[in-house]
Amino acid sequence: MVCFTGVDRVEVQRRPMPAPGPGEVLIRTSHSLISTGTELLVLAGRGWSPLGTKLTELPHVGHCNAGTVVDVGDAVDRAWVGRRVATQGYHARFVTCAVAPSRDNWRSGVFAIPDGVSSADATVMSLAITAMHGLRRARLTWGESVAVAGLGLLGHLVVRLAAIAGATPIHGLSRSEERLAWLPRRPNIAGACVDLTRPSPRDPVDVVFETTGEPAAISGELALVRPGGRLVVLSSPGGSSSLDLHALCEVPSRSIIGVHVSSIPLHPTLDDPWALPAYVQLFFRYLVEQALVVSDLITFAVPGTDAADAYRMLARREQPVLTALLTWDGVARS
């Protein structure tokens, strides 16, 4: 099990085998994905990170897990046993998860992975549904122009999903020239190396998606939004931002829209059928139909026992790595 034992301190610890409680399943993890934006921010103790408080440890880290159900708790159909599933479970060889999504437990919800979708690709589910919810909250429609600020995994997912939704043109903006290499080669998608913490005059767009997590970039991103347009905050910024709301929002009538996975409805209604299960089903459908490809966005894989080295490499940006996959098959119980 991967644990954050302090700021910039990662350990892989052995724990007893967990047992599924009522309504839960036990999953033998095959792959878990490091969410480089949120997890590295938390590990660094920045912004709202719990590690910013002394003597705080996080024994359950990660929220992108895929594996196979090996046991079930009371009141759970045993047909789950043997099925490949994706969850928001943590980085560990074995994890338990409540089958039904619950607002009281943000990690809850077990979703079967369809045939034709690899378990590695399925780990992207949590970030993909956040991106999809962001596009829907933005009320993005075909023909609208988009800029995506930040080209980590979440940013690249927004680019690809915005293209599916009919946005054009789409601009991927990053301070790293290397991150531009993963943009799809399409006439209506372009990349630019830009530091949005400094003034950067560019043509305005209808919608800007913030995925950098940098508070100092928000003002520059708002300046890229056309009058009457929208800024969608998809990242978890690592601190507070200072904004001239009169000049950046009120006078040009720009809107700021916040998006978080916790705001996705758990159950459909007549007014809003887009609940969590619908987003997951659509994500898997896109993968099966190859309308969305994510395999090339997973650029580095290491055994779960080497997780500390993976976090260190990602934090130091030692290699042009977009994100890292932890593999758990063959790893001793942890």
Protein backbone atom coordinates (compact mmCIF):
# COMPACT_ATOMS: atom_id res chain seq x y z
CA MET A 1 0.00 0.00 0.00
CA VAL A 2 1.30 3.45 -0.94
CA CYS A 3 1.31 5.95 1.95
CA PHE A 4 2.30 9.60 2.24
CA THR A 5 4.03 9.77 5.62
CA GLY A 6 4.84 13.48 5.40
CA VAL A 7 5.68 16.25 2.95
CA ASP A 8 7.68 14.71 0.08
CA ARG A 9 7.80 11.36 1.91
CA VAL A 10 6.40 8.24 0.21
CA GLU A 11 6.46 4.72 1.63
CA VAL A 12 5.11 1.39 0.42
CA GLN A 13 3.90 -0.39 3.54
CA ARG A 14 2.64 -3.90 4.22
CA ARG A 15 -0.83 -4.15 5.72
CA PRO A 16 -3.09 -7.10 6.66
CA MET A 17 -5.42 -8.37 3.95
CA PRO A 18 -8.57 -6.21 4.04
CA ALA A 19 -11.98 -7.89 4.30
CA PRO A 20 -15.04 -6.62 2.42
CA GLY A 21 -17.76 -5.29 4.65
CA PRO A 22 -21.51 -5.24 3.90
CA GLY A 23 -22.13 -3.80 0.44
CA GLU A 24 -18.43 -4.00 -0.46
CA VAL A 25 -16.21 -6.07 -2.73
CA LEU A 26 -12.56 -7.04 -2.34
CA ILE A 27 -10.47 -6.18 -5.41
CA ARG A 28 -7.08 -7.57 -6.37
CA THR A 29 -5.51 -4.56 -8.06
CA SER A 30 -3.76 -5.04 -11.38
CA HIS A 31 -3.07 -1.35 -12.15
CA SER A 32 -3.41 2.01 -10.42
CA LEU A 33 -2.65 5.36 -11.99
CA ILE A 34 -0.84 8.22 -10.27
CA SER A 35 -2.89 11.39 -10.74
CA THR A 36 0.12 13.64 -11.08
CA GLY A 37 -1.73 16.93 -10.57
CA THR A 38 -3.65 16.25 -7.35
CA GLU A 39 -1.30 13.68 -5.82
CA LEU A 40 1.89 15.69 -6.34
CA LEU A 41 0.17 18.81 -4.93
CA VAL A 42 -0.89 16.85 -1.84
CA LEU A 43 2.55 15.26 -1.47
CA ALA A 44 4.22 18.68 -1.60
CA GLY A 45 1.95 19.95 1.21
CA ARG A 46 0.66 22.82 -0.95
CA GLY A 47 -2.64 24.66 -0.75
CA TRP A 48 -5.34 22.58 0.88
CA SER A 49 -3.11 19.49 1.26
CA PRO A 50 -3.69 17.64 4.56
CA LEU A 51 0.08 17.16 4.73
CA GLY A 52 0.38 20.89 5.38
CA THR A 53 -0.45 20.03 9.03
CA LYS A 54 2.46 18.66 11.03
CA LEU A 55 2.50 14.95 11.91
CA THR A 56 -0.26 14.21 9.37
CA GLU A 57 -0.03 10.99 7.35
CA LEU A 58 -2.18 9.75 4.48
CA PRO A 59 -2.40 5.95 4.58
CA HIS A 60 -4.74 5.72 1.57
CA VAL A 61 -3.40 7.50 -1.51
CA GLY A 62 -4.67 7.47 -5.09
CA HIS A 63 -8.06 7.33 -6.77
CA CYS A 64 -7.54 5.55 -10.11
CA ASN A 65 -7.68 1.78 -9.60
CA ALA A 66 -8.47 -1.24 -11.77
CA GLY A 67 -8.46 -4.90 -10.85
CA THR A 68 -10.48 -8.07 -10.39
CA VAL A 69 -13.11 -8.77 -7.73
CA VAL A 70 -12.01 -11.74 -5.61
CA ASP A 71 -14.56 -11.67 -2.79
CA VAL A 72 -17.77 -9.91 -1.75
CA GLY A 73 -19.32 -8.82 1.52
CA ASP A 74 -22.85 -9.33 2.80
CA ALA A 75 -25.71 -8.22 0.52
CA VAL A 76 -23.49 -8.21 -2.59
CA ASP A 77 -24.23 -10.45 -5.59
CA ARG A 78 -21.46 -13.06 -5.94
CA ALA A 79 -21.67 -12.56 -9.72
CA TRP A 80 -19.18 -9.75 -9.13
CA VAL A 81 -16.46 -12.30 -8.34
CA GLY A 82 -14.06 -12.66 -11.26
CA ARG A 83 -15.15 -9.44 -12.98
CA ARG A 84 -12.67 -6.74 -13.93
CA VAL A 85 -13.69 -3.43 -12.40
CA ALA A 86 -12.60 0.20 -12.21
CA THR A 87 -12.98 2.26 -9.03
CA GLN A 88 -11.62 5.32 -7.24
CA GLY A 89 -9.68 2.96 -4.99
CA TYR A 90 -6.23 3.68 -3.65
CA HIS A 91 -2.76 2.39 -4.57
CA ALA A 92 -2.52 -1.09 -3.00
CA ARG A 93 -2.39 -4.74 -4.00
CA PHE A 94 -5.80 -5.37 -2.44
CA VAL A 95 -8.53 -2.77 -1.83
CA THR A 96 -12.14 -2.84 -0.68
CA CYS A 97 -14.80 -0.68 -2.26
CA ALA A 98 -18.52 -0.12 -1.77
CA VAL A 99 -20.42 -1.25 -4.87
CA ALA A 100 -23.03 1.52 -4.80
CA PRO A 101 -21.87 5.14 -5.16
CA SER A 102 -22.48 7.15 -2.00
CA ARG A 103 -22.09 10.84 -1.21
CA ASP A 104 -20.80 9.84 2.24
CA ASN A 105 -17.89 7.90 0.71
CA TRP A 106 -16.25 9.56 -2.28
CA ARG A 107 -14.30 6.38 -3.13
CA SER A 108 -17.48 4.32 -3.49
CA GLY A 109 -18.79 2.95 -6.78
CA VAL A 110 -17.66 -0.18 -8.62
CA PHE A 111 -17.92 -0.25 -12.42
CA ALA A 112 -17.42 -3.30 -14.64
CA ILE A 113 -14.78 -2.92 -17.34
CA PRO A 114 -16.18 -4.05 -20.71
CA ASP A 115 -14.43 -6.52 -22.99
CA GLY A 116 -12.10 -4.73 -25.37
CA VAL A 117 -10.94 -2.21 -22.75
CA SER A 118 -7.62 -2.89 -21.03
CA SER A 119 -7.36 -2.58 -17.27
CA ALA A 120 -4.54 -0.06 -17.77
CA ASP A 121 -6.78 2.21 -19.86
CA ALA A 122 -9.62 1.78 -17.36
CA THR A 123 -7.54 3.46 -14.63
CA VAL A 124 -8.11 6.75 -16.48
CA MET A 125 -11.85 6.57 -15.65
CA SER A 126 -11.83 8.90 -12.64
CA LEU A 127 -10.02 11.72 -14.46
CA ALA A 128 -12.00 11.20 -17.67
CA ILE A 129 -15.38 11.57 -15.98
CA THR A 130 -14.13 14.75 -14.28
CA ALA A 131 -13.16 16.13 -17.69
CA MET A 132 -16.51 15.08 -19.19
CA HIS A 133 -18.40 16.71 -16.32
CA GLY A 134 -16.37 19.87 -16.90
CA LEU A 135 -17.34 20.00 -20.56
CA ARG A 136 -21.00 19.54 -19.66
CA ARG A 137 -20.86 22.16 -16.89
CA ALA A 138 -19.30 24.54 -19.42
CA ARG A 139 -22.25 23.89 -21.77
CA LEU A 140 -19.71 23.47 -24.54
CA THR A 141 -21.35 23.22 -27.94
CA TRP A 142 -20.12 22.42 -31.45
CA GLY A 143 -18.13 25.11 -33.17
CA GLU A 144 -17.01 26.87 -30.01
CA SER A 145 -13.32 27.69 -29.60
CA VAL A 146 -11.43 26.27 -26.63
CA ALA A 147 -8.11 26.75 -24.87
CA VAL A 148 -6.88 24.13 -22.40
CA ALA A 149 -4.37 25.57 -19.93
CA GLY A 150 -2.08 22.85 -18.68
CA LEU A 151 -1.31 19.62 -20.52
CA GLY A 152 -1.04 17.00 -17.85
CA LEU A 153 -3.24 13.93 -18.20
CA LEU A 154 -6.40 15.86 -17.27
CA GLY A 155 -5.63 18.60 -19.79
CA HIS A 156 -4.99 16.13 -22.59
CA LEU A 157 -8.26 14.35 -21.80
CA VAL A 158 -10.10 17.68 -22.03
CA VAL A 159 -8.51 18.34 -25.44
CA ARG A 160 -9.58 14.96 -26.81
CA LEU A 161 -13.07 15.05 -25.33
CA ALA A 162 -13.64 18.63 -26.51
CA ALA A 163 -12.79 17.48 -30.02
CA ILE A 164 -15.38 14.71 -29.72
CA ALA A 165 -17.90 17.31 -28.53
CA GLY A 166 -17.33 19.39 -31.68
CA ALA A 167 -15.22 22.26 -30.35
CA THR A 168 -12.99 23.97 -32.91
CA PRO A 169 -10.34 25.22 -32.87
CA ILE A 170 -8.74 23.78 -29.73
CA HIS A 171 -5.55 25.25 -28.30
CA GLY A 172 -3.41 23.24 -25.87
CA LEU A 173 -1.29 25.57 -23.72
CA SER A 174 1.62 24.47 -21.56
CA ARG A 175 4.84 25.84 -20.14
CA SER A 176 6.49 22.56 -21.17
CA GLU A 177 7.34 22.13 -24.83
CA GLU A 178 7.53 18.37 -24.24
CA ARG A 179 3.86 18.17 -23.17
CA LEU A 180 2.77 19.40 -26.61
CA ALA A 181 3.99 16.16 -28.19
CA TRP A 182 0.94 14.24 -26.94
CA LEU A 183 -1.59 16.49 -28.67
CA PRO A 184 -3.53 14.74 -31.45
CA ARG A 185 -2.34 15.62 -34.94
CA ARG A 186 -5.49 17.26 -36.29
CA PRO A 187 -5.94 20.47 -38.27
CA ASN A 188 -8.16 22.05 -35.61
CA ILE A 189 -5.86 21.24 -32.63
CA ALA A 190 -2.78 23.35 -32.01
CA GLY A 191 -0.28 23.61 -29.18
CA ALA A 192 1.70 26.54 -27.82
CA CYS A 193 4.35 26.90 -25.15
CA VAL A 194 2.95 29.64 -22.90
CA ASP A 195 3.57 30.84 -19.34
CA LEU A 196 0.13 32.03 -18.27
CA THR A 197 1.45 33.55 -15.06
CA ARG A 198 2.73 36.39 -17.30
CA PRO A 199 0.82 38.58 -19.78
CA SER A 200 0.30 36.58 -22.96
CA PRO A 201 -1.76 38.33 -25.65
CA ARG A 202 -3.57 35.74 -27.77
CA ASP A 203 -6.82 35.60 -29.68
CA PRO A 204 -9.72 35.17 -27.22
CA VAL A 205 -11.71 31.93 -27.13
CA ASP A 206 -15.19 30.96 -26.00
CA VAL A 207 -14.07 28.65 -23.19
CA VAL A 208 -10.81 28.23 -21.27
CA PHE A 209 -10.28 25.11 -19.15
CA GLU A 210 -7.90 25.52 -16.21
CA THR A 211 -5.96 22.32 -15.46
CA THR A 212 -2.57 23.69 -14.35
CA GLY A 213 -3.31 23.91 -10.62
CA GLU A 214 -1.31 27.16 -10.55
CA PRO A 215 -3.19 29.98 -8.74
CA ALA A 216 -1.05 32.62 -10.46
CA ALA A 217 -2.28 31.46 -13.88
CA ILE A 218 -5.97 32.25 -13.29
CA SER A 219 -5.75 35.95 -14.22
CA GLY A 220 -3.92 35.18 -17.46
CA GLU A 221 -6.46 32.51 -18.33
CA LEU A 222 -9.40 34.86 -17.74
CA ALA A 223 -7.76 37.34 -20.09
CA LEU A 224 -7.91 34.68 -22.83
CA VAL A 225 -11.70 34.34 -22.50
CA ARG A 226 -13.80 36.39 -24.90
CA PRO A 227 -16.34 38.82 -23.40
CA GLY A 228 -19.30 36.73 -22.30
CA GLY A 229 -17.22 33.53 -22.34
CA ARG A 230 -16.41 31.02 -19.60
CA LEU A 231 -13.43 29.94 -17.52
CA VAL A 232 -13.83 26.40 -16.19
CA VAL A 233 -11.68 25.47 -13.20
CA LEU A 234 -11.03 21.73 -13.40
CA SER A 235 -7.81 21.58 -11.40
CA SER A 236 -7.35 21.70 -7.65
CA PRO A 237 -5.36 24.95 -7.37
CA GLY A 238 -2.50 24.84 -4.90
CA GLY A 239 -3.37 28.09 -3.16
CA SER A 240 -5.41 31.28 -3.39
CA SER A 241 -5.65 33.59 -6.40
CA SER A 242 -5.81 37.38 -6.46
CA LEU A 243 -8.21 38.58 -9.17
CA ASP A 244 -9.48 41.94 -10.34
CA LEU A 245 -13.07 40.75 -10.67
CA HIS A 246 -14.27 44.12 -11.94
CA ALA A 247 -11.86 44.18 -14.88
CA LEU A 248 -11.67 40.44 -15.58
CA CYS A 249 -15.24 39.29 -14.90
CA GLU A 250 -17.80 42.03 -14.32
CA VAL A 251 -17.09 44.41 -17.19
CA PRO A 252 -16.47 41.72 -19.88
CA SER A 253 -19.29 39.59 -18.40
CA ARG A 254 -17.12 36.48 -18.15
CA SER A 255 -18.20 33.52 -16.01
CA ILE A 256 -16.08 31.32 -13.74
CA ILE A 257 -17.35 27.76 -13.39
CA GLY A 258 -16.02 25.38 -10.75
CA VAL A 259 -15.98 21.64 -11.42
CA HIS A 260 -15.17 18.75 -9.09
CA VAL A 261 -15.87 15.03 -9.35
CA SER A 262 -17.84 15.26 -6.08
CA SER A 263 -20.44 17.47 -7.80
CA ILE A 264 -21.39 14.76 -10.31
CA PRO A 265 -24.91 13.54 -9.45
CA LEU A 266 -25.03 9.95 -8.25
CA HIS A 267 -28.48 9.22 -9.65
CA PRO A 268 -30.20 10.41 -12.85
CA THR A 269 -33.30 12.58 -12.84
CA LEU A 270 -35.70 13.66 -15.56
CA ASP A 271 -33.99 17.05 -15.67
CA ASP A 272 -30.44 15.69 -15.54
CA PRO A 273 -29.80 12.14 -16.73
CA TRP A 274 -26.02 12.67 -16.57
CA ALA A 275 -25.27 10.95 -13.28
CA LEU A 276 -22.02 9.16 -12.44
CA PRO A 277 -22.95 5.79 -14.04
CA ALA A 278 -23.87 7.53 -17.31
CA TYR A 279 -20.48 9.26 -17.50
CA VAL A 280 -18.67 5.98 -16.81
CA GLN A 281 -20.68 4.12 -19.46
CA LEU A 282 -19.98 6.84 -22.01
CA PHE A 283 -16.25 6.80 -21.21
CA PHE A 284 -16.07 3.04 -21.75
CA ARG A 285 -18.17 3.30 -24.90
CA TYR A 286 -15.73 5.86 -26.33
CA LEU A 287 -12.83 3.50 -25.56
CA VAL A 288 -14.54 0.48 -27.13
CA GLU A 289 -15.45 2.46 -30.25
CA GLN A 290 -11.97 4.05 -30.26
CA ALA A 291 -13.52 7.49 -30.42
CA LEU A 292 -11.24 8.21 -27.44
CA VAL A 293 -7.72 6.80 -27.16
CA VAL A 294 -5.87 7.06 -23.84
CA SER A 295 -3.19 4.37 -24.03
CA ASP A 296 -0.60 6.78 -25.43
CA LEU A 297 -1.17 9.12 -22.48
CA ILE A 298 0.12 6.51 -20.01
CA THR A 299 3.82 6.97 -20.58
CA PHE A 300 5.59 5.21 -17.71
CA ALA A 301 4.94 2.03 -15.70
CA VAL A 302 6.65 0.66 -12.60
CA PRO A 303 5.84 -2.05 -10.04
CA GLY A 304 3.87 -0.78 -7.08
CA THR A 305 6.82 -1.61 -4.82
CA ASP A 306 8.79 1.11 -6.64
CA ALA A 307 6.13 3.79 -6.13
CA ALA A 308 8.42 6.05 -4.07
CA ASP A 309 10.87 6.24 -6.98
CA ALA A 310 8.02 7.01 -9.39
CA TYR A 311 6.75 9.94 -7.29
CA ARG A 312 10.29 11.27 -6.92
CA MET A 313 10.85 11.15 -10.67
CA LEU A 314 7.50 12.82 -11.41
CA ALA A 315 8.10 15.59 -8.87
CA ARG A 316 11.56 16.34 -10.24
CA ARG A 317 10.43 16.11 -13.86
CA GLU A 318 13.55 14.09 -14.60
CA GLN A 319 12.08 12.63 -17.79
CA PRO A 320 9.41 13.75 -20.29
CA VAL A 321 6.78 11.62 -18.53
CA LEU A 322 3.11 12.55 -18.68
CA THR A 323 1.86 10.14 -16.05
CA ALA A 324 2.84 6.91 -14.31
CA LEU A 325 1.08 3.58 -13.96
CA LEU A 326 1.71 1.33 -10.96
CA THR A 327 1.42 -2.38 -11.71
CA TRP A 328 0.47 -4.81 -8.94
CA ASP A 329 0.28 -8.25 -10.59
CA GLY A 330 2.98 -10.36 -9.05
CA VAL A 331 3.55 -7.88 -6.23
CA ALA A 332 3.53 -9.36 -2.73
CA ARG A 333 0.58 -8.57 -0.47
CA SER A 334 0.60 -4.91 0.58
